[in-house]
Amino acid sequence: MIQIEGTALRAMVADDLDAVMDIEARAYEFCWSRGNFADSLVAGYVAQVLCDAEGCVLGYFVALAGVEEMHLLNITVDPRLQGQGLGLQLLDAVLLSASLHEARLLWLEVRPSNLRALQLYQRYGLHAVARRKGYYPALLDGKPAREDAIVMSCPVAALRQRRGMA
């Protein structure tokens, strides 16, 4: 598991939502609402924040544990801190959570236009397995539109081996 010095992962709590929403709004044109995060916490989804030594939130993820699978719903690193390995640290935490929930498969959706995330997921070992047409809200020439989602997946055991967690 990758560990960036001075950072720590912990469960996301309601008191984190101001910081999470600040990052979410800066990271995405079409972001989750505060209610989406709050509902995820109430529902018992797997949700963690990555914090620096002072406790400031640097990134987070929310995932849904299902029967033998883990669905990554949201993973975000503060845009000012991207490219420093924090996304890998969060993905490793998702993988560890998937293992703890005895998931056999990890999967997620990503916008084709989110090249940075797409490349990170591919380097991590996830593979495109499907495409969901019109999945995401988007803007095209300033008008409401829809963007497809690339569905990516990989067996948890393969990812654990690839990441040296076997």
Protein backbone atom coordinates (compact mmCIF):
# COMPACT_ATOMS: atom_id res chain seq x y z
CA MET A 1 0.00 0.00 0.00
CA ILE A 2 1.34 3.40 -0.91
CA GLN A 3 1.69 5.81 2.00
CA ILE A 4 2.48 9.50 1.53
CA GLU A 5 4.36 10.83 4.54
CA GLY A 6 2.24 12.91 6.89
CA THR A 7 -1.10 11.61 5.63
CA ALA A 8 -3.66 9.41 7.30
CA LEU A 9 -6.91 7.75 6.25
CA ARG A 10 -9.95 7.65 8.48
CA ALA A 11 -13.68 7.15 8.20
CA MET A 12 -15.58 10.09 6.74
CA VAL A 13 -17.99 11.70 9.23
CA ALA A 14 -20.64 14.40 8.88
CA ASP A 15 -18.20 17.02 10.24
CA ASP A 16 -16.03 16.42 7.14
CA LEU A 17 -18.72 17.44 4.66
CA ASP A 18 -17.76 21.13 4.45
CA ALA A 19 -14.21 20.21 3.44
CA VAL A 20 -15.41 17.42 1.15
CA MET A 21 -17.88 19.75 -0.59
CA ASP A 22 -15.17 22.40 -1.06
CA ILE A 23 -12.96 19.87 -2.87
CA GLU A 24 -15.90 18.37 -4.79
CA ALA A 25 -17.00 21.79 -6.10
CA ARG A 26 -13.47 22.65 -7.25
CA ALA A 27 -12.88 19.25 -8.84
CA TYR A 28 -16.05 18.78 -10.89
CA GLU A 29 -18.37 20.80 -13.03
CA PHE A 30 -21.17 18.39 -12.12
CA CYS A 31 -20.48 17.41 -8.54
CA TRP A 32 -22.22 15.36 -5.90
CA SER A 33 -24.49 17.28 -3.56
CA ARG A 34 -23.99 17.50 0.18
CA GLY A 35 -27.08 15.30 0.41
CA ASN A 36 -25.42 12.60 -1.71
CA PHE A 37 -22.53 12.42 0.75
CA ALA A 38 -24.76 12.64 3.83
CA ASP A 39 -27.05 9.91 2.50
CA SER A 40 -24.02 7.69 1.81
CA LEU A 41 -22.86 8.08 5.39
CA VAL A 42 -26.32 7.33 6.81
CA ALA A 43 -26.64 4.29 4.54
CA GLY A 44 -23.34 2.91 5.83
CA TYR A 45 -21.38 3.08 2.59
CA VAL A 46 -17.62 2.76 2.86
CA ALA A 47 -16.41 6.37 3.01
CA GLN A 48 -12.97 7.59 4.00
CA VAL A 49 -11.05 10.84 3.96
CA LEU A 50 -7.33 11.28 3.45
CA CYS A 51 -5.98 13.98 5.76
CA ASP A 52 -2.67 15.73 6.26
CA ALA A 53 -0.86 15.92 9.61
CA GLU A 54 -3.05 18.87 10.68
CA GLY A 55 -6.26 16.99 9.87
CA CYS A 56 -7.08 18.90 6.67
CA VAL A 57 -8.94 16.80 4.10
CA LEU A 58 -6.84 16.19 0.96
CA GLY A 59 -9.16 13.69 -0.73
CA TYR A 60 -11.85 11.09 -0.14
CA PHE A 61 -13.73 8.16 -1.55
CA VAL A 62 -17.19 6.64 -1.23
CA ALA A 63 -17.85 3.03 -2.21
CA LEU A 64 -20.74 0.62 -1.97
CA ALA A 65 -20.00 -2.90 -0.76
CA GLY A 66 -22.28 -5.43 -2.41
CA VAL A 67 -22.38 -9.19 -2.65
CA GLU A 68 -18.81 -10.14 -3.58
CA GLU A 69 -18.19 -6.73 -5.18
CA MET A 70 -17.17 -3.18 -4.35
CA HIS A 71 -18.51 -0.33 -6.47
CA LEU A 72 -16.41 2.83 -6.24
CA LEU A 73 -18.88 5.69 -6.48
CA ASN A 74 -16.70 8.74 -5.92
CA ILE A 75 -12.97 9.26 -5.47
CA THR A 76 -11.48 12.71 -5.48
CA VAL A 77 -8.19 14.40 -4.65
CA ASP A 78 -8.03 18.15 -4.09
CA PRO A 79 -7.22 19.51 -7.59
CA ARG A 80 -4.33 21.55 -6.15
CA LEU A 81 -2.68 18.31 -4.93
CA GLN A 82 -3.25 15.98 -7.87
CA GLY A 83 -0.25 14.22 -9.36
CA GLN A 84 1.45 13.55 -6.01
CA GLY A 85 0.37 9.94 -5.43
CA LEU A 86 -2.67 10.71 -3.28
CA GLY A 87 -5.03 9.10 -5.79
CA LEU A 88 -3.01 5.88 -5.58
CA GLN A 89 -3.17 6.05 -1.80
CA LEU A 90 -6.95 6.38 -1.96
CA LEU A 91 -7.26 3.54 -4.49
CA ASP A 92 -5.18 1.33 -2.21
CA ALA A 93 -7.60 2.17 0.62
CA VAL A 94 -10.54 1.23 -1.62
CA LEU A 95 -8.80 -2.06 -2.44
CA LEU A 96 -8.17 -2.77 1.23
CA SER A 97 -11.83 -2.02 2.00
CA ALA A 98 -12.90 -4.31 -0.84
CA SER A 99 -10.78 -7.09 0.65
CA LEU A 100 -12.18 -6.52 4.14
CA HIS A 101 -15.71 -6.80 2.69
CA GLU A 102 -14.70 -10.01 0.89
CA ALA A 103 -15.37 -8.45 -2.49
CA ARG A 104 -14.14 -10.44 -5.45
CA LEU A 105 -14.58 -7.63 -7.98
CA LEU A 106 -13.93 -3.88 -7.92
CA TRP A 107 -15.67 -1.70 -10.44
CA LEU A 108 -16.36 1.95 -11.22
CA GLU A 109 -17.54 4.36 -13.89
CA VAL A 110 -15.43 7.19 -15.31
CA ARG A 111 -16.04 9.91 -17.87
CA PRO A 112 -14.09 9.37 -21.11
CA SER A 113 -13.20 13.08 -20.91
CA ASN A 114 -11.56 12.59 -17.49
CA LEU A 115 -8.27 11.48 -19.01
CA ARG A 116 -6.26 11.87 -15.81
CA ALA A 117 -8.57 9.52 -13.89
CA LEU A 118 -8.86 7.11 -16.80
CA GLN A 119 -5.08 6.82 -17.05
CA LEU A 120 -4.73 6.38 -13.27
CA TYR A 121 -7.28 3.56 -13.25
CA GLN A 122 -5.59 1.85 -16.21
CA ARG A 123 -2.16 2.09 -14.54
CA TYR A 124 -3.72 0.71 -11.37
CA GLY A 125 -4.89 -2.37 -13.27
CA LEU A 126 -8.56 -1.71 -13.98
CA HIS A 127 -9.86 -2.56 -17.45
CA ALA A 128 -12.70 -1.10 -19.51
CA VAL A 129 -15.50 -3.66 -19.65
CA ALA A 130 -18.52 -1.68 -20.89
CA ARG A 131 -19.85 1.73 -21.82
CA ARG A 132 -22.97 3.33 -20.35
CA LYS A 133 -24.53 5.68 -22.89
CA GLY A 134 -25.56 9.12 -21.63
CA TYR A 135 -24.64 8.33 -18.03
CA TYR A 136 -23.24 11.68 -16.89
CA PRO A 137 -24.65 15.20 -17.18
CA ALA A 138 -22.50 17.41 -19.38
CA LEU A 139 -22.44 20.63 -21.35
CA LEU A 140 -21.91 20.77 -25.11
CA ASP A 141 -21.44 24.25 -26.54
CA GLY A 142 -22.98 25.63 -23.34
CA LYS A 143 -26.10 23.48 -23.63
CA PRO A 144 -27.16 20.57 -21.41
CA ALA A 145 -26.01 17.25 -22.79
CA ARG A 146 -25.02 13.76 -21.63
CA GLU A 147 -21.65 12.02 -21.59
CA ASP A 148 -21.08 8.28 -21.67
CA ALA A 149 -19.38 6.42 -18.84
CA ILE A 150 -16.64 3.87 -19.26
CA VAL A 151 -17.25 0.98 -16.85
CA MET A 152 -13.96 -0.36 -15.50
CA SER A 153 -13.37 -3.44 -13.41
CA CYS A 154 -10.82 -5.94 -12.16
CA PRO A 155 -10.79 -8.87 -9.77
CA VAL A 156 -9.73 -7.77 -6.29
CA ALA A 157 -7.21 -10.63 -6.02
CA ALA A 158 -5.46 -9.50 -9.22
CA LEU A 159 -5.28 -5.90 -8.00
CA ARG A 160 -3.96 -7.02 -4.60
CA GLN A 161 -1.22 -9.04 -6.28
CA ARG A 162 -0.36 -6.16 -8.62
CA ARG A 163 -0.13 -3.77 -5.65
CA GLY A 164 1.91 -6.15 -3.50
CA MET A 165 -0.92 -6.78 -1.04
CA ALA A 166 -1.41 -10.47 -1.75
